[in-house]
């Protein structure tokens, strides 16, 4: 099994649900072809260096995985078919030095994902206490207008 890093740029025009389904499909392609995903880095929407298919931004997603080399061709073929992907790149880590760098990247990504917890529901505002009720102003009786 070799070590790989895969960067995928998804079109930014997709809704959040469509983007999540595309990412799930990408991960499914890897696992269905015998790959083992170690960790993923969701980088979010970023500005591109130059427009790709009239898109100035893209949704970046990095996947670190291990797989047999013979299955990479099938994964890349499936990526080329998917019209929702702007670009993808698969990087192979082969030598011992490169594998150590891959392990360091995986560890760094794990630390980043541990620091940034998953977004949860925003805490609700505390209910106002009865002591803090707004005071109601009483109107002072007006003096009758005098005619001159």
C-alpha atoms as a PDB file:
ATOM      1  CA  UNK A   1       0.000   0.000   0.000  1.00  0.00           C
ATOM      2  CA  UNK A   2       1.307   3.398  -0.972  1.00  0.00           C
ATOM      3  CA  UNK A   3       0.559   6.734   0.618  1.00  0.00           C
ATOM      4  CA  UNK A   4      -1.339   9.408  -1.322  1.00  0.00           C
ATOM      5  CA  UNK A   5      -2.634  12.918  -0.887  1.00  0.00           C
ATOM      6  CA  UNK A   6      -5.544  14.070  -2.997  1.00  0.00           C
ATOM      7  CA  UNK A   7      -6.585  17.709  -3.399  1.00  0.00           C
ATOM      8  CA  UNK A   8      -9.981  18.240  -4.996  1.00  0.00           C
ATOM      9  CA  UNK A   9     -11.505  21.600  -5.944  1.00  0.00           C
ATOM     10  CA  UNK A  10     -15.308  21.514  -6.167  1.00  0.00           C
ATOM     11  CA  UNK A  11     -17.381  24.184  -7.924  1.00  0.00           C
ATOM     12  CA  UNK A  12     -18.413  26.976  -5.518  1.00  0.00           C
ATOM     13  CA  UNK A  13     -21.818  27.373  -7.176  1.00  0.00           C
ATOM     14  CA  UNK A  14     -23.136  24.222  -5.490  1.00  0.00           C
ATOM     15  CA  UNK A  15     -25.284  24.439  -2.386  1.00  0.00           C
ATOM     16  CA  UNK A  16     -23.868  23.188   0.903  1.00  0.00           C
ATOM     17  CA  UNK A  17     -25.825  19.932   0.613  1.00  0.00           C
ATOM     18  CA  UNK A  18     -24.646  19.330  -2.957  1.00  0.00           C
ATOM     19  CA  UNK A  19     -21.046  20.030  -1.945  1.00  0.00           C
ATOM     20  CA  UNK A  20     -21.289  17.549   0.939  1.00  0.00           C
ATOM     21  CA  UNK A  21     -22.743  14.909  -1.390  1.00  0.00           C
ATOM     22  CA  UNK A  22     -19.891  15.480  -3.885  1.00  0.00           C
ATOM     23  CA  UNK A  23     -17.320  15.107  -1.096  1.00  0.00           C
ATOM     24  CA  UNK A  24     -19.055  11.926   0.099  1.00  0.00           C
ATOM     25  CA  UNK A  25     -18.979  10.584  -3.468  1.00  0.00           C
ATOM     26  CA  UNK A  26     -15.245  11.345  -3.722  1.00  0.00           C
ATOM     27  CA  UNK A  27     -14.556   9.522  -0.454  1.00  0.00           C
ATOM     28  CA  UNK A  28     -16.736   6.628  -1.626  1.00  0.00           C
ATOM     29  CA  UNK A  29     -14.716   6.323  -4.840  1.00  0.00           C
ATOM     30  CA  UNK A  30     -11.546   5.951  -2.782  1.00  0.00           C
ATOM     31  CA  UNK A  31     -12.945   3.417  -0.305  1.00  0.00           C
ATOM     32  CA  UNK A  32     -14.750   1.367  -2.970  1.00  0.00           C
ATOM     33  CA  UNK A  33     -11.449   0.930  -4.827  1.00  0.00           C
ATOM     34  CA  UNK A  34      -9.672  -0.491  -1.790  1.00  0.00           C
ATOM     35  CA  UNK A  35      -8.319   2.729  -0.289  1.00  0.00           C
ATOM     36  CA  UNK A  36      -8.137   3.501   3.402  1.00  0.00           C
ATOM     37  CA  UNK A  37      -8.760   7.159   4.236  1.00  0.00           C
ATOM     38  CA  UNK A  38      -6.583   8.332   7.132  1.00  0.00           C
ATOM     39  CA  UNK A  39      -7.864  11.892   7.530  1.00  0.00           C
ATOM     40  CA  UNK A  40      -9.504  14.671   5.536  1.00  0.00           C
ATOM     41  CA  UNK A  41      -8.907  18.404   5.628  1.00  0.00           C
ATOM     42  CA  UNK A  42     -11.904  20.542   4.716  1.00  0.00           C
ATOM     43  CA  UNK A  43     -10.300  23.825   3.679  1.00  0.00           C
ATOM     44  CA  UNK A  44     -13.531  25.509   2.593  1.00  0.00           C
ATOM     45  CA  UNK A  45     -14.041  28.065  -0.161  1.00  0.00           C
ATOM     46  CA  UNK A  46     -10.894  29.873  -1.271  1.00  0.00           C
ATOM     47  CA  UNK A  47      -9.926  32.278  -4.006  1.00  0.00           C
ATOM     48  CA  UNK A  48      -8.258  30.686  -7.016  1.00  0.00           C
ATOM     49  CA  UNK A  49      -5.040  32.059  -8.506  1.00  0.00           C
ATOM     50  CA  UNK A  50      -6.808  32.326 -11.860  1.00  0.00           C
ATOM     51  CA  UNK A  51     -10.389  31.664 -13.019  1.00  0.00           C
ATOM     52  CA  UNK A  52     -11.217  28.051 -13.883  1.00  0.00           C
ATOM     53  CA  UNK A  53     -14.343  27.595 -16.011  1.00  0.00           C
ATOM     54  CA  UNK A  54     -15.327  31.204 -15.136  1.00  0.00           C
ATOM     55  CA  UNK A  55     -15.094  30.480 -11.375  1.00  0.00           C
ATOM     56  CA  UNK A  56     -12.876  32.761  -9.292  1.00  0.00           C
ATOM     57  CA  UNK A  57     -13.341  30.633  -6.154  1.00  0.00           C
ATOM     58  CA  UNK A  58     -13.404  26.946  -5.347  1.00  0.00           C
ATOM     59  CA  UNK A  59     -14.207  24.593  -2.470  1.00  0.00           C
ATOM     60  CA  UNK A  60     -10.939  22.899  -1.457  1.00  0.00           C
ATOM     61  CA  UNK A  61     -10.869  19.435   0.124  1.00  0.00           C
ATOM     62  CA  UNK A  62      -7.737  17.388   0.903  1.00  0.00           C
ATOM     63  CA  UNK A  63      -7.801  13.627   1.548  1.00  0.00           C
ATOM     64  CA  UNK A  64      -4.865  11.601   2.899  1.00  0.00           C
ATOM     65  CA  UNK A  65      -5.179   7.893   2.134  1.00  0.00           C
ATOM     66  CA  UNK A  66      -3.338   4.642   1.433  1.00  0.00           C
ATOM     67  CA  UNK A  67      -4.086   2.432  -1.551  1.00  0.00           C
ATOM     68  CA  UNK A  68      -2.653  -0.045  -4.016  1.00  0.00           C
ATOM     69  CA  UNK A  69      -1.118   1.814  -6.996  1.00  0.00           C
ATOM     70  CA  UNK A  70      -3.154  -0.097  -9.593  1.00  0.00           C
ATOM     71  CA  UNK A  71      -6.409   1.556  -8.412  1.00  0.00           C
ATOM     72  CA  UNK A  72      -5.286   5.183  -8.811  1.00  0.00           C
ATOM     73  CA  UNK A  73      -6.095   5.185 -12.536  1.00  0.00           C
ATOM     74  CA  UNK A  74      -9.728   4.266 -11.807  1.00  0.00           C
ATOM     75  CA  UNK A  75     -10.062   7.002  -9.191  1.00  0.00           C
ATOM     76  CA  UNK A  76      -8.680   9.654 -11.525  1.00  0.00           C
ATOM     77  CA  UNK A  77     -10.939   8.410 -14.344  1.00  0.00           C
ATOM     78  CA  UNK A  78     -13.975   8.868 -12.082  1.00  0.00           C
ATOM     79  CA  UNK A  79     -12.775  12.365 -11.128  1.00  0.00           C
ATOM     80  CA  UNK A  80     -12.500  13.339 -14.806  1.00  0.00           C
ATOM     81  CA  UNK A  81     -16.083  12.191 -15.436  1.00  0.00           C
ATOM     82  CA  UNK A  82     -17.457  14.276 -12.534  1.00  0.00           C
ATOM     83  CA  UNK A  83     -18.421  17.671 -13.974  1.00  0.00           C
ATOM     84  CA  UNK A  84     -18.737  19.287 -10.530  1.00  0.00           C
ATOM     85  CA  UNK A  85     -14.970  19.109  -9.942  1.00  0.00           C
ATOM     86  CA  UNK A  86     -12.916  22.039 -11.200  1.00  0.00           C
ATOM     87  CA  UNK A  87      -9.524  20.420 -10.587  1.00  0.00           C
ATOM     88  CA  UNK A  88      -7.905  17.545  -8.740  1.00  0.00           C
ATOM     89  CA  UNK A  89      -4.361  16.438  -8.081  1.00  0.00           C
ATOM     90  CA  UNK A  90      -3.112  13.142  -6.651  1.00  0.00           C
ATOM     91  CA  UNK A  91       0.321  13.169  -5.022  1.00  0.00           C
ATOM     92  CA  UNK A  92       2.180   9.904  -4.424  1.00  0.00           C
ATOM     93  CA  UNK A  93       4.509   9.608  -1.423  1.00  0.00           C
ATOM     94  CA  UNK A  94       6.951   6.826  -2.289  1.00  0.00           C
ATOM     95  CA  UNK A  95      10.342   7.028  -0.560  1.00  0.00           C
ATOM     96  CA  UNK A  96      10.882   6.724   3.196  1.00  0.00           C
ATOM     97  CA  UNK A  97      11.520  10.458   3.414  1.00  0.00           C
ATOM     98  CA  UNK A  98       8.276  11.239   1.573  1.00  0.00           C
ATOM     99  CA  UNK A  99       6.278   8.781   3.726  1.00  0.00           C
ATOM    100  CA  UNK A 100       7.634  10.499   6.850  1.00  0.00           C
ATOM    101  CA  UNK A 101       6.514  13.858   5.400  1.00  0.00           C
ATOM    102  CA  UNK A 102       3.078  12.309   4.709  1.00  0.00           C
ATOM    103  CA  UNK A 103       2.871  11.102   8.324  1.00  0.00           C
ATOM    104  CA  UNK A 104       3.792  14.608   9.521  1.00  0.00           C
ATOM    105  CA  UNK A 105       1.058  16.123   7.335  1.00  0.00           C
ATOM    106  CA  UNK A 106      -1.496  13.657   8.707  1.00  0.00           C
ATOM    107  CA  UNK A 107      -0.453  14.459  12.291  1.00  0.00           C
ATOM    108  CA  UNK A 108      -0.637  18.204  11.588  1.00  0.00           C
ATOM    109  CA  UNK A 109      -4.112  17.839  10.086  1.00  0.00           C
ATOM    110  CA  UNK A 110      -5.258  15.786  13.092  1.00  0.00           C
ATOM    111  CA  UNK A 111      -4.057  18.551  15.425  1.00  0.00           C
ATOM    112  CA  UNK A 112      -5.883  21.198  13.380  1.00  0.00           C
ATOM    113  CA  UNK A 113      -9.102  19.214  13.372  1.00  0.00           C
ATOM    114  CA  UNK A 114      -8.824  18.651  17.134  1.00  0.00           C
ATOM    115  CA  UNK A 115      -8.358  22.391  17.789  1.00  0.00           C
ATOM    116  CA  UNK A 116     -11.315  23.447  15.654  1.00  0.00           C
ATOM    117  CA  UNK A 117     -14.328  21.540  17.015  1.00  0.00           C
ATOM    118  CA  UNK A 118     -17.229  20.854  14.712  1.00  0.00           C
ATOM    119  CA  UNK A 119     -19.648  23.766  14.525  1.00  0.00           C
ATOM    120  CA  UNK A 120     -22.492  23.288  16.925  1.00  0.00           C
ATOM    121  CA  UNK A 121     -25.732  25.093  17.423  1.00  0.00           C
ATOM    122  CA  UNK A 122     -25.289  28.633  18.651  1.00  0.00           C
ATOM    123  CA  UNK A 123     -26.139  28.964  22.326  1.00  0.00           C
ATOM    124  CA  UNK A 124     -29.549  30.426  22.873  1.00  0.00           C
ATOM    125  CA  UNK A 125     -29.840  33.820  24.524  1.00  0.00           C
ATOM    126  CA  UNK A 126     -30.671  33.498  28.225  1.00  0.00           C
ATOM    127  CA  UNK A 127     -34.280  34.158  29.134  1.00  0.00           C
ATOM    128  CA  UNK A 128     -34.769  37.571  30.747  1.00  0.00           C
ATOM    129  CA  UNK A 129     -35.140  37.460  34.498  1.00  0.00           C
ATOM    130  CA  UNK A 130     -38.253  38.974  36.083  1.00  0.00           C
ATOM    131  CA  UNK A 131     -36.119  41.607  37.821  1.00  0.00           C
ATOM    132  CA  UNK A 132     -34.884  42.932  34.513  1.00  0.00           C
ATOM    133  CA  UNK A 133     -38.317  43.763  33.122  1.00  0.00           C
ATOM    134  CA  UNK A 134     -38.431  47.170  31.457  1.00  0.00           C
ATOM    135  CA  UNK A 135     -40.017  49.865  33.556  1.00  0.00           C
ATOM    136  CA  UNK A 136     -43.248  51.296  32.198  1.00  0.00           C
ATOM    137  CA  UNK A 137     -43.298  55.076  32.270  1.00  0.00           C
ATOM    138  CA  UNK A 138     -46.426  56.720  33.561  1.00  0.00           C
ATOM    139  CA  UNK A 139     -47.712  59.714  31.651  1.00  0.00           C
ATOM    140  CA  UNK A 140     -47.973  62.914  33.633  1.00  0.00           C
ATOM    141  CA  UNK A 141     -51.362  64.580  33.317  1.00  0.00           C
ATOM    142  CA  UNK A 142     -51.181  67.418  30.856  1.00  0.00           C
ATOM    143  CA  UNK A 143     -52.302  70.885  31.785  1.00  0.00           C
ATOM    144  CA  UNK A 144     -55.258  72.085  29.743  1.00  0.00           C
ATOM    145  CA  UNK A 145     -54.325  74.476  26.994  1.00  0.00           C
ATOM    146  CA  UNK A 146     -55.320  78.046  27.643  1.00  0.00           C
ATOM    147  CA  UNK A 147     -56.797  80.153  24.931  1.00  0.00           C
ATOM    148  CA  UNK A 148     -55.619  83.704  24.619  1.00  0.00           C
END
